[in-house]
Amino acid sequence: MPKIKVWISAARLRTLPLSLSGIIVGTALGSMYSEFRWDIFVFALLTTVGFQVTSNFANDYGDGVKGTDNENRVGPKRALQSGQLSRKELKVGIIISIIICILFTVALLYLSFGTENLILTLIFGALGILSIWAAIKYTVGSSAYGYKGLGDLFVFLFFGLLGVMGSMFLYTKTLNAMAIFPAVTIGLLSTGVLNLNNLRDYESDKTSNKNTLIVKMGIRNGKIYHVFLIVISFISILAFTFIHYHNWKNTIHLVAFVPIFIHLNKMWKIKNTVLLDPELKKLALSTFLLSILFYFSFNNFS
């Protein structure tokens, strides 16, 4: 396989729609409470893609070095695991990706805050550095939090609360308490995608001492936990919809929960967790659909 295709595969493009969902919802909120700006939107998307690709490269490296990605792995083969990329090549890729992330972050903060809001620039700069750290430390190093059952918490915080409310702040320069509801929704749905991944990889993770939350709680409790994530995410977005309801158009985004609840029913019925892999894509794309419909539910309609 040509190297460019190997790197594209390692970047795991199918994970990008989920990571962009928080930015789109945050942009929708920013447009509601302030005004839409194309420059901020584009660089927010680019920055998020950079963080996600960095995380995917680091995840490939961390799990490959630890031996978690092995012949027993259920999902797609990884670059380091399959020998398509060496440790050195993957390290270089991570470093280049980090540099790109930093450049995108600097450009985004300049566009949003200019030179007159130094405090805000420093705060969001620190959050950007923290995001890069979180992207790498999920699987890399002896203290990788993904191996201690903390991945769910970090996904909820970074994909949900920070992704949605942080991107909204770039437009509004202020926080609106009501934004917590869609932020929680996106955070829980994103956590649900990770939970499906961990349910699928239960046996291999357990064998490799990757103590995800599913390994700690078991498959049945993991499924109950998944139901909790989906139901609470729906209640949260429903609360926001009720608070901001003016007409039926404000409910368009709720259509996205039709495939999500169909997925939930199928997830519960699947006995062999290795068969859950297609459900990851369904939930991720449904979350992406929700984010797009959410924008049109509360913007461009009057």
C-alpha atoms as a PDB file:
ATOM      1  CA  MET A   1       0.000   0.000   0.000  1.00  0.00           C
ATOM      2  CA  PRO A   2       1.385   3.470  -0.928  1.00  0.00           C
ATOM      3  CA  LYS A   3       2.525   5.507   2.099  1.00  0.00           C
ATOM      4  CA  ILE A   4      -0.028   8.247   1.548  1.00  0.00           C
ATOM      5  CA  LYS A   5      -2.819   5.680   1.821  1.00  0.00           C
ATOM      6  CA  VAL A   6      -1.230   4.282   4.980  1.00  0.00           C
ATOM      7  CA  TRP A   7      -1.186   7.720   6.593  1.00  0.00           C
ATOM      8  CA  ILE A   8      -4.782   8.391   5.551  1.00  0.00           C
ATOM      9  CA  SER A   9      -5.754   5.065   7.071  1.00  0.00           C
ATOM     10  CA  ALA A  10      -3.855   5.899  10.283  1.00  0.00           C
ATOM     11  CA  ALA A  11      -5.667   9.248  10.439  1.00  0.00           C
ATOM     12  CA  ARG A  12      -8.952   7.277  10.735  1.00  0.00           C
ATOM     13  CA  LEU A  13     -11.096   9.657   8.722  1.00  0.00           C
ATOM     14  CA  ARG A  14     -14.279   7.934   9.865  1.00  0.00           C
ATOM     15  CA  THR A  15     -13.717   9.437  13.330  1.00  0.00           C
ATOM     16  CA  LEU A  16     -13.751  13.023  12.051  1.00  0.00           C
ATOM     17  CA  PRO A  17     -17.542  13.620  11.768  1.00  0.00           C
ATOM     18  CA  LEU A  18     -17.980  12.878  15.477  1.00  0.00           C
ATOM     19  CA  SER A  19     -15.179  15.246  16.477  1.00  0.00           C
ATOM     20  CA  LEU A  20     -16.689  18.001  14.307  1.00  0.00           C
ATOM     21  CA  SER A  21     -20.143  17.643  15.875  1.00  0.00           C
ATOM     22  CA  GLY A  22     -19.258  19.696  18.953  1.00  0.00           C
ATOM     23  CA  ILE A  23     -17.862  22.523  16.813  1.00  0.00           C
ATOM     24  CA  ILE A  24     -20.997  22.638  14.657  1.00  0.00           C
ATOM     25  CA  VAL A  25     -23.281  22.726  17.703  1.00  0.00           C
ATOM     26  CA  GLY A  26     -21.070  25.369  19.340  1.00  0.00           C
ATOM     27  CA  THR A  27     -21.231  27.399  16.138  1.00  0.00           C
ATOM     28  CA  ALA A  28     -25.030  27.066  16.117  1.00  0.00           C
ATOM     29  CA  LEU A  29     -25.115  28.422  19.672  1.00  0.00           C
ATOM     30  CA  GLY A  30     -22.687  31.185  18.759  1.00  0.00           C
ATOM     31  CA  SER A  31     -24.948  32.185  15.874  1.00  0.00           C
ATOM     32  CA  MET A  32     -27.983  32.137  18.183  1.00  0.00           C
ATOM     33  CA  TYR A  33     -26.453  34.260  20.903  1.00  0.00           C
ATOM     34  CA  SER A  34     -24.127  36.409  18.768  1.00  0.00           C
ATOM     35  CA  GLU A  35     -23.286  36.133  15.070  1.00  0.00           C
ATOM     36  CA  PHE A  36     -21.822  33.591  12.652  1.00  0.00           C
ATOM     37  CA  ARG A  37     -18.304  34.122  11.316  1.00  0.00           C
ATOM     38  CA  TRP A  38     -16.914  31.975   8.530  1.00  0.00           C
ATOM     39  CA  ASP A  39     -13.266  32.517   9.463  1.00  0.00           C
ATOM     40  CA  ILE A  40     -13.768  31.302  13.034  1.00  0.00           C
ATOM     41  CA  PHE A  41     -15.867  28.372  11.856  1.00  0.00           C
ATOM     42  CA  VAL A  42     -13.319  27.160   9.282  1.00  0.00           C
ATOM     43  CA  PHE A  43     -10.334  27.395  11.632  1.00  0.00           C
ATOM     44  CA  ALA A  44     -12.283  25.825  14.488  1.00  0.00           C
ATOM     45  CA  LEU A  45     -12.982  22.854  12.195  1.00  0.00           C
ATOM     46  CA  LEU A  46      -9.349  22.664  11.064  1.00  0.00           C
ATOM     47  CA  THR A  47      -8.088  22.827  14.649  1.00  0.00           C
ATOM     48  CA  THR A  48     -10.452  20.076  15.746  1.00  0.00           C
ATOM     49  CA  VAL A  49      -9.445  17.870  12.818  1.00  0.00           C
ATOM     50  CA  GLY A  50      -5.820  18.437  13.833  1.00  0.00           C
ATOM     51  CA  PHE A  51      -6.522  17.370  17.417  1.00  0.00           C
ATOM     52  CA  GLN A  52      -8.426  14.275  16.267  1.00  0.00           C
ATOM     53  CA  VAL A  53      -5.759  13.160  13.804  1.00  0.00           C
ATOM     54  CA  THR A  54      -3.086  13.671  16.466  1.00  0.00           C
ATOM     55  CA  SER A  55      -5.147  11.560  18.854  1.00  0.00           C
ATOM     56  CA  ASN A  56      -5.570   8.829  16.233  1.00  0.00           C
ATOM     57  CA  PHE A  57      -1.845   8.713  15.447  1.00  0.00           C
ATOM     58  CA  ALA A  58      -1.017   8.626  19.165  1.00  0.00           C
ATOM     59  CA  ASN A  59      -3.640   5.950  19.804  1.00  0.00           C
ATOM     60  CA  ASP A  60      -2.161   3.826  17.025  1.00  0.00           C
ATOM     61  CA  TYR A  61       1.300   4.279  18.525  1.00  0.00           C
ATOM     62  CA  GLY A  62       0.324   3.755  22.175  1.00  0.00           C
ATOM     63  CA  ASP A  63      -1.774   0.624  21.644  1.00  0.00           C
ATOM     64  CA  GLY A  64       0.785  -0.745  19.194  1.00  0.00           C
ATOM     65  CA  VAL A  65       3.722  -0.323  21.568  1.00  0.00           C
ATOM     66  CA  LYS A  66       1.785  -1.816  24.478  1.00  0.00           C
ATOM     67  CA  GLY A  67       0.715  -4.789  22.392  1.00  0.00           C
ATOM     68  CA  THR A  68      -2.995  -4.036  22.787  1.00  0.00           C
ATOM     69  CA  ASP A  69      -3.338  -3.971  19.011  1.00  0.00           C
ATOM     70  CA  ASN A  70      -2.535  -7.584  18.179  1.00  0.00           C
ATOM     71  CA  GLU A  71      -3.837 -10.490  16.124  1.00  0.00           C
ATOM     72  CA  ASN A  72      -6.856 -10.766  18.440  1.00  0.00           C
ATOM     73  CA  ARG A  73      -8.022  -7.229  17.704  1.00  0.00           C
ATOM     74  CA  VAL A  74     -11.576  -7.064  16.320  1.00  0.00           C
ATOM     75  CA  GLY A  75     -11.604  -3.674  14.571  1.00  0.00           C
ATOM     76  CA  PRO A  76      -9.608  -2.421  11.571  1.00  0.00           C
ATOM     77  CA  LYS A  77      -5.876  -3.205  11.500  1.00  0.00           C
ATOM     78  CA  ARG A  78      -3.666  -0.372  12.708  1.00  0.00           C
ATOM     79  CA  ALA A  79      -0.588   1.039  10.974  1.00  0.00           C
ATOM     80  CA  LEU A  80       1.956   0.090  13.636  1.00  0.00           C
ATOM     81  CA  GLN A  81       0.297  -3.236  14.387  1.00  0.00           C
ATOM     82  CA  SER A  82       0.382  -4.271  10.718  1.00  0.00           C
ATOM     83  CA  GLY A  83       3.926  -3.020  10.174  1.00  0.00           C
ATOM     84  CA  GLN A  84       2.888  -0.470   7.567  1.00  0.00           C
ATOM     85  CA  LEU A  85       4.458   2.291   9.669  1.00  0.00           C
ATOM     86  CA  SER A  86       7.432   1.997  12.005  1.00  0.00           C
ATOM     87  CA  ARG A  87       7.567   3.477  15.500  1.00  0.00           C
ATOM     88  CA  LYS A  88       9.920   6.187  14.238  1.00  0.00           C
ATOM     89  CA  GLU A  89       7.654   7.110  11.324  1.00  0.00           C
ATOM     90  CA  LEU A  90       4.606   7.291  13.568  1.00  0.00           C
ATOM     91  CA  LYS A  91       6.483   9.444  16.104  1.00  0.00           C
ATOM     92  CA  VAL A  92       7.442  11.883  13.343  1.00  0.00           C
ATOM     93  CA  GLY A  93       3.818  11.922  12.184  1.00  0.00           C
ATOM     94  CA  ILE A  94       2.634  12.760  15.710  1.00  0.00           C
ATOM     95  CA  ILE A  95       5.165  15.600  16.028  1.00  0.00           C
ATOM     96  CA  ILE A  96       4.193  17.109  12.662  1.00  0.00           C
ATOM     97  CA  SER A  97       0.519  16.804  13.573  1.00  0.00           C
ATOM     98  CA  ILE A  98       1.137  18.593  16.889  1.00  0.00           C
ATOM     99  CA  ILE A  99       2.908  21.451  15.100  1.00  0.00           C
ATOM    100  CA  ILE A 100      -0.017  21.802  12.682  1.00  0.00           C
ATOM    101  CA  CYS A 101      -2.436  21.823  15.647  1.00  0.00           C
ATOM    102  CA  ILE A 102      -0.476  24.627  17.303  1.00  0.00           C
ATOM    103  CA  LEU A 103      -0.476  26.715  14.116  1.00  0.00           C
ATOM    104  CA  PHE A 104      -4.227  26.258  13.628  1.00  0.00           C
ATOM    105  CA  THR A 105      -4.871  27.095  17.292  1.00  0.00           C
ATOM    106  CA  VAL A 106      -2.816  30.304  17.116  1.00  0.00           C
ATOM    107  CA  ALA A 107      -4.641  31.388  13.945  1.00  0.00           C
ATOM    108  CA  LEU A 108      -8.042  30.587  15.495  1.00  0.00           C
ATOM    109  CA  LEU A 109      -7.326  32.534  18.678  1.00  0.00           C
ATOM    110  CA  TYR A 110      -6.054  35.532  16.712  1.00  0.00           C
ATOM    111  CA  LEU A 111      -9.190  35.577  14.562  1.00  0.00           C
ATOM    112  CA  SER A 112     -11.448  35.316  17.598  1.00  0.00           C
ATOM    113  CA  PHE A 113      -9.711  37.471  20.193  1.00  0.00           C
ATOM    114  CA  GLY A 114      -7.288  39.628  18.189  1.00  0.00           C
ATOM    115  CA  THR A 115      -4.454  41.205  20.144  1.00  0.00           C
ATOM    116  CA  GLU A 116      -6.562  43.088  22.677  1.00  0.00           C
ATOM    117  CA  ASN A 117      -7.838  40.062  24.637  1.00  0.00           C
ATOM    118  CA  LEU A 118      -4.571  38.651  25.927  1.00  0.00           C
ATOM    119  CA  ILE A 119      -6.129  36.924  28.956  1.00  0.00           C
ATOM    120  CA  LEU A 120      -8.665  35.048  26.833  1.00  0.00           C
ATOM    121  CA  THR A 121      -5.947  34.139  24.336  1.00  0.00           C
ATOM    122  CA  LEU A 122      -3.778  32.712  27.114  1.00  0.00           C
ATOM    123  CA  ILE A 123      -6.687  30.761  28.639  1.00  0.00           C
ATOM    124  CA  PHE A 124      -7.726  29.219  25.334  1.00  0.00           C
ATOM    125  CA  GLY A 125      -4.091  28.651  24.421  1.00  0.00           C
ATOM    126  CA  ALA A 126      -3.735  26.638  27.626  1.00  0.00           C
ATOM    127  CA  LEU A 127      -6.890  24.699  26.744  1.00  0.00           C
ATOM    128  CA  GLY A 128      -5.381  23.977  23.337  1.00  0.00           C
ATOM    129  CA  ILE A 129      -2.209  22.607  24.950  1.00  0.00           C
ATOM    130  CA  LEU A 130      -4.366  20.553  27.324  1.00  0.00           C
ATOM    131  CA  SER A 131      -6.271  19.168  24.335  1.00  0.00           C
ATOM    132  CA  ILE A 132      -3.025  18.071  22.683  1.00  0.00           C
ATOM    133  CA  TRP A 133      -1.910  16.456  25.944  1.00  0.00           C
ATOM    134  CA  ALA A 134      -5.231  14.627  26.244  1.00  0.00           C
ATOM    135  CA  ALA A 135      -4.998  13.465  22.627  1.00  0.00           C
ATOM    136  CA  ILE A 136      -1.613  11.885  23.257  1.00  0.00           C
ATOM    137  CA  LYS A 137      -1.974  10.561  26.806  1.00  0.00           C
ATOM    138  CA  TYR A 138      -5.073   8.494  26.043  1.00  0.00           C
ATOM    139  CA  THR A 139      -2.866   5.508  25.211  1.00  0.00           C
ATOM    140  CA  VAL A 140       0.746   6.743  25.238  1.00  0.00           C
ATOM    141  CA  GLY A 141       2.970   6.302  28.274  1.00  0.00           C
ATOM    142  CA  SER A 142       2.816   4.337  31.514  1.00  0.00           C
ATOM    143  CA  SER A 143       0.178   6.701  32.922  1.00  0.00           C
ATOM    144  CA  ALA A 144      -2.141   6.578  29.882  1.00  0.00           C
ATOM    145  CA  TYR A 145      -5.599   7.438  31.195  1.00  0.00           C
ATOM    146  CA  GLY A 146      -7.336   5.244  28.610  1.00  0.00           C
ATOM    147  CA  TYR A 147      -5.858   2.226  30.401  1.00  0.00           C
ATOM    148  CA  LYS A 148      -7.305   3.344  33.733  1.00  0.00           C
ATOM    149  CA  GLY A 149     -10.963   3.642  32.746  1.00  0.00           C
ATOM    150  CA  LEU A 150     -10.859   7.436  32.403  1.00  0.00           C
ATOM    151  CA  GLY A 151     -11.353   7.652  28.639  1.00  0.00           C
ATOM    152  CA  ASP A 152     -15.106   8.183  28.989  1.00  0.00           C
ATOM    153  CA  LEU A 153     -14.630  11.174  31.270  1.00  0.00           C
ATOM    154  CA  PHE A 154     -12.101  12.823  28.971  1.00  0.00           C
ATOM    155  CA  VAL A 155     -14.259  12.274  25.879  1.00  0.00           C
ATOM    156  CA  PHE A 156     -17.252  13.814  27.655  1.00  0.00           C
ATOM    157  CA  LEU A 157     -15.217  16.841  28.734  1.00  0.00           C
ATOM    158  CA  PHE A 158     -13.330  17.499  25.493  1.00  0.00           C
ATOM    159  CA  PHE A 159     -15.880  16.436  22.849  1.00  0.00           C
ATOM    160  CA  GLY A 160     -18.849  17.752  24.811  1.00  0.00           C
ATOM    161  CA  LEU A 161     -18.308  20.554  27.302  1.00  0.00           C
ATOM    162  CA  LEU A 162     -15.120  22.049  25.867  1.00  0.00           C
ATOM    163  CA  GLY A 163     -15.957  21.339  22.225  1.00  0.00           C
ATOM    164  CA  VAL A 164     -19.425  22.883  22.334  1.00  0.00           C
ATOM    165  CA  MET A 165     -19.109  25.631  24.937  1.00  0.00           C
ATOM    166  CA  GLY A 166     -15.540  26.491  23.961  1.00  0.00           C
ATOM    167  CA  SER A 167     -16.392  26.950  20.290  1.00  0.00           C
ATOM    168  CA  MET A 168     -19.500  28.959  21.241  1.00  0.00           C
ATOM    169  CA  PHE A 169     -17.312  31.263  23.338  1.00  0.00           C
ATOM    170  CA  LEU A 170     -15.132  32.011  20.309  1.00  0.00           C
ATOM    171  CA  TYR A 171     -18.163  33.778  18.781  1.00  0.00           C
ATOM    172  CA  THR A 172     -19.895  35.219  21.834  1.00  0.00           C
ATOM    173  CA  LYS A 173     -16.957  35.981  24.191  1.00  0.00           C
ATOM    174  CA  THR A 174     -19.289  34.915  26.982  1.00  0.00           C
ATOM    175  CA  LEU A 175     -20.890  31.766  28.370  1.00  0.00           C
ATOM    176  CA  ASN A 176     -24.612  31.107  28.297  1.00  0.00           C
ATOM    177  CA  ALA A 177     -25.865  28.690  30.941  1.00  0.00           C
ATOM    178  CA  MET A 178     -28.359  27.119  28.528  1.00  0.00           C
ATOM    179  CA  ALA A 179     -25.485  25.892  26.348  1.00  0.00           C
ATOM    180  CA  ILE A 180     -24.785  23.212  28.941  1.00  0.00           C
ATOM    181  CA  PHE A 181     -27.718  21.144  27.627  1.00  0.00           C
ATOM    182  CA  PRO A 182     -26.515  20.595  24.025  1.00  0.00           C
ATOM    183  CA  ALA A 183     -22.946  20.328  25.336  1.00  0.00           C
ATOM    184  CA  VAL A 184     -23.988  17.464  27.612  1.00  0.00           C
ATOM    185  CA  THR A 185     -25.876  15.839  24.723  1.00  0.00           C
ATOM    186  CA  ILE A 186     -22.873  15.837  22.395  1.00  0.00           C
ATOM    187  CA  GLY A 187     -20.580  14.771  25.230  1.00  0.00           C
ATOM    188  CA  LEU A 188     -22.737  11.794  26.166  1.00  0.00           C
ATOM    189  CA  LEU A 189     -23.240  10.666  22.563  1.00  0.00           C
ATOM    190  CA  SER A 190     -19.491  10.895  21.939  1.00  0.00           C
ATOM    191  CA  THR A 191     -18.902   8.894  25.104  1.00  0.00           C
ATOM    192  CA  GLY A 192     -21.409   6.399  23.741  1.00  0.00           C
ATOM    193  CA  VAL A 193     -19.258   5.896  20.645  1.00  0.00           C
ATOM    194  CA  LEU A 194     -16.227   5.205  22.833  1.00  0.00           C
ATOM    195  CA  ASN A 195     -18.316   2.857  24.947  1.00  0.00           C
ATOM    196  CA  LEU A 196     -19.297   0.863  21.857  1.00  0.00           C
ATOM    197  CA  ASN A 197     -15.634   0.666  20.897  1.00  0.00           C
ATOM    198  CA  ASN A 198     -14.785  -0.654  24.355  1.00  0.00           C
ATOM    199  CA  LEU A 199     -17.677  -3.123  24.309  1.00  0.00           C
ATOM    200  CA  ARG A 200     -16.444  -4.432  20.970  1.00  0.00           C
ATOM    201  CA  ASP A 201     -12.870  -4.748  22.258  1.00  0.00           C
ATOM    202  CA  TYR A 202     -13.796  -6.158  25.674  1.00  0.00           C
ATOM    203  CA  GLU A 203     -11.989  -9.485  25.317  1.00  0.00           C
ATOM    204  CA  SER A 204      -8.796  -8.134  23.721  1.00  0.00           C
ATOM    205  CA  ASP A 205      -8.625  -5.179  26.136  1.00  0.00           C
ATOM    206  CA  LYS A 206      -9.066  -7.468  29.131  1.00  0.00           C
ATOM    207  CA  THR A 207      -6.310  -9.773  27.894  1.00  0.00           C
ATOM    208  CA  SER A 208      -4.005  -6.781  27.286  1.00  0.00           C
ATOM    209  CA  ASN A 209      -4.698  -5.225  30.713  1.00  0.00           C
ATOM    210  CA  LYS A 210      -6.332  -2.198  29.137  1.00  0.00           C
ATOM    211  CA  ASN A 211      -8.728  -1.487  31.989  1.00  0.00           C
ATOM    212  CA  THR A 212     -11.417   0.477  30.213  1.00  0.00           C
ATOM    213  CA  LEU A 213     -14.662   1.214  32.011  1.00  0.00           C
ATOM    214  CA  ILE A 214     -16.207  -1.806  30.244  1.00  0.00           C
ATOM    215  CA  VAL A 215     -13.449  -4.107  31.475  1.00  0.00           C
ATOM    216  CA  LYS A 216     -14.099  -2.807  34.997  1.00  0.00           C
ATOM    217  CA  MET A 217     -17.909  -3.080  34.914  1.00  0.00           C
ATOM    218  CA  GLY A 218     -18.533  -5.991  32.534  1.00  0.00           C
ATOM    219  CA  ILE A 219     -20.549  -6.287  29.331  1.00  0.00           C
ATOM    220  CA  ARG A 220     -24.079  -6.292  30.781  1.00  0.00           C
ATOM    221  CA  ASN A 221     -23.455  -3.258  32.963  1.00  0.00           C
ATOM    222  CA  GLY A 222     -21.716  -1.673  29.981  1.00  0.00           C
ATOM    223  CA  LYS A 223     -24.882  -2.042  27.932  1.00  0.00           C
ATOM    224  CA  ILE A 224     -26.983  -0.557  30.747  1.00  0.00           C
ATOM    225  CA  TYR A 225     -24.478   2.297  30.928  1.00  0.00           C
ATOM    226  CA  HIS A 226     -24.870   2.793  27.159  1.00  0.00           C
ATOM    227  CA  VAL A 227     -28.654   3.065  27.523  1.00  0.00           C
ATOM    228  CA  PHE A 228     -28.096   5.654  30.261  1.00  0.00           C
ATOM    229  CA  LEU A 229     -25.807   7.708  27.989  1.00  0.00           C
ATOM    230  CA  ILE A 230     -28.315   7.775  25.130  1.00  0.00           C
ATOM    231  CA  VAL A 231     -31.418   8.456  27.239  1.00  0.00           C
ATOM    232  CA  ILE A 232     -29.825  11.281  29.254  1.00  0.00           C
ATOM    233  CA  SER A 233     -28.448  12.830  26.053  1.00  0.00           C
ATOM    234  CA  PHE A 234     -31.978  12.874  24.633  1.00  0.00           C
ATOM    235  CA  ILE A 235     -33.469  14.369  27.816  1.00  0.00           C
ATOM    236  CA  SER A 236     -30.780  17.061  27.807  1.00  0.00           C
ATOM    237  CA  ILE A 237     -31.402  18.184  24.206  1.00  0.00           C
ATOM    238  CA  LEU A 238     -35.140  17.957  24.842  1.00  0.00           C
ATOM    239  CA  ALA A 239     -34.768  20.384  27.758  1.00  0.00           C
ATOM    240  CA  PHE A 240     -32.888  22.869  25.562  1.00  0.00           C
ATOM    241  CA  THR A 241     -35.524  22.514  22.832  1.00  0.00           C
ATOM    242  CA  PHE A 242     -38.353  23.160  25.295  1.00  0.00           C
ATOM    243  CA  ILE A 243     -36.634  26.255  26.726  1.00  0.00           C
ATOM    244  CA  HIS A 244     -35.997  27.741  23.264  1.00  0.00           C
ATOM    245  CA  TYR A 245     -39.168  26.543  21.556  1.00  0.00           C
ATOM    246  CA  HIS A 246     -40.928  29.038  19.279  1.00  0.00           C
ATOM    247  CA  ASN A 247     -42.342  26.840  16.528  1.00  0.00           C
ATOM    248  CA  TRP A 248     -42.119  23.322  15.119  1.00  0.00           C
ATOM    249  CA  LYS A 249     -38.964  24.151  13.175  1.00  0.00           C
ATOM    250  CA  ASN A 250     -37.087  24.230  16.473  1.00  0.00           C
ATOM    251  CA  THR A 251     -37.633  20.473  16.772  1.00  0.00           C
ATOM    252  CA  ILE A 252     -36.073  19.408  13.457  1.00  0.00           C
ATOM    253  CA  HIS A 253     -32.879  18.188  15.119  1.00  0.00           C
ATOM    254  CA  LEU A 254     -34.798  15.646  17.194  1.00  0.00           C
ATOM    255  CA  VAL A 255     -35.248  13.583  14.001  1.00  0.00           C
ATOM    256  CA  ALA A 256     -31.622  12.486  14.452  1.00  0.00           C
ATOM    257  CA  PHE A 257     -32.645  10.518  17.521  1.00  0.00           C
ATOM    258  CA  VAL A 258     -34.755   8.157  15.402  1.00  0.00           C
ATOM    259  CA  PRO A 259     -31.696   6.251  14.100  1.00  0.00           C
ATOM    260  CA  ILE A 260     -30.047   6.660  17.511  1.00  0.00           C
ATOM    261  CA  PHE A 261     -32.893   4.853  19.289  1.00  0.00           C
ATOM    262  CA  ILE A 262     -32.986   2.211  16.538  1.00  0.00           C
ATOM    263  CA  HIS A 263     -29.276   1.731  17.196  1.00  0.00           C
ATOM    264  CA  LEU A 264     -29.940   1.475  20.933  1.00  0.00           C
ATOM    265  CA  ASN A 265     -32.443  -1.317  20.407  1.00  0.00           C
ATOM    266  CA  LYS A 266     -30.047  -3.216  18.142  1.00  0.00           C
ATOM    267  CA  MET A 267     -27.129  -2.737  20.540  1.00  0.00           C
ATOM    268  CA  TRP A 268     -29.122  -4.272  23.364  1.00  0.00           C
ATOM    269  CA  LYS A 269     -30.064  -7.338  21.300  1.00  0.00           C
ATOM    270  CA  ILE A 270     -26.547  -8.103  20.070  1.00  0.00           C
ATOM    271  CA  LYS A 271     -25.070 -10.893  22.194  1.00  0.00           C
ATOM    272  CA  ASN A 272     -21.635 -11.161  20.620  1.00  0.00           C
ATOM    273  CA  THR A 273     -20.012  -7.770  21.248  1.00  0.00           C
ATOM    274  CA  VAL A 274     -17.555  -8.164  18.363  1.00  0.00           C
ATOM    275  CA  LEU A 275     -20.553  -7.577  16.093  1.00  0.00           C
ATOM    276  CA  LEU A 276     -20.977  -4.043  17.468  1.00  0.00           C
ATOM    277  CA  ASP A 277     -18.420  -2.489  15.103  1.00  0.00           C
ATOM    278  CA  PRO A 278     -21.012  -1.235  12.536  1.00  0.00           C
ATOM    279  CA  GLU A 279     -22.914   0.428  15.377  1.00  0.00           C
ATOM    280  CA  LEU A 280     -19.988   2.773  16.060  1.00  0.00           C
ATOM    281  CA  LYS A 281     -20.364   4.325  12.615  1.00  0.00           C
ATOM    282  CA  LYS A 282     -24.139   4.568  12.970  1.00  0.00           C
ATOM    283  CA  LEU A 283     -23.987   6.410  16.289  1.00  0.00           C
ATOM    284  CA  ALA A 284     -21.145   8.687  15.176  1.00  0.00           C
ATOM    285  CA  LEU A 285     -22.918   9.679  11.948  1.00  0.00           C
ATOM    286  CA  SER A 286     -26.234  10.129  13.776  1.00  0.00           C
ATOM    287  CA  THR A 287     -24.486  12.495  16.192  1.00  0.00           C
ATOM    288  CA  PHE A 288     -23.045  14.404  13.232  1.00  0.00           C
ATOM    289  CA  LEU A 289     -26.524  14.581  11.691  1.00  0.00           C
ATOM    290  CA  LEU A 290     -27.872  15.889  14.987  1.00  0.00           C
ATOM    291  CA  SER A 291     -25.299  18.689  15.007  1.00  0.00           C
ATOM    292  CA  ILE A 292     -26.183  19.811  11.468  1.00  0.00           C
ATOM    293  CA  LEU A 293     -29.929  19.671  12.086  1.00  0.00           C
ATOM    294  CA  PHE A 294     -29.425  21.500  15.378  1.00  0.00           C
ATOM    295  CA  TYR A 295     -27.935  24.426  13.491  1.00  0.00           C
ATOM    296  CA  PHE A 296     -30.911  24.660  11.147  1.00  0.00           C
ATOM    297  CA  SER A 297     -33.357  24.189  14.000  1.00  0.00           C
ATOM    298  CA  PHE A 298     -32.267  27.441  15.641  1.00  0.00           C
ATOM    299  CA  ASN A 299     -30.700  29.464  12.820  1.00  0.00           C
ATOM    300  CA  ASN A 300     -31.805  30.729   9.395  1.00  0.00           C
ATOM    301  CA  PHE A 301     -35.424  30.152  10.339  1.00  0.00           C
ATOM    302  CA  SER A 302     -37.636  32.879  11.734  1.00  0.00           C
END
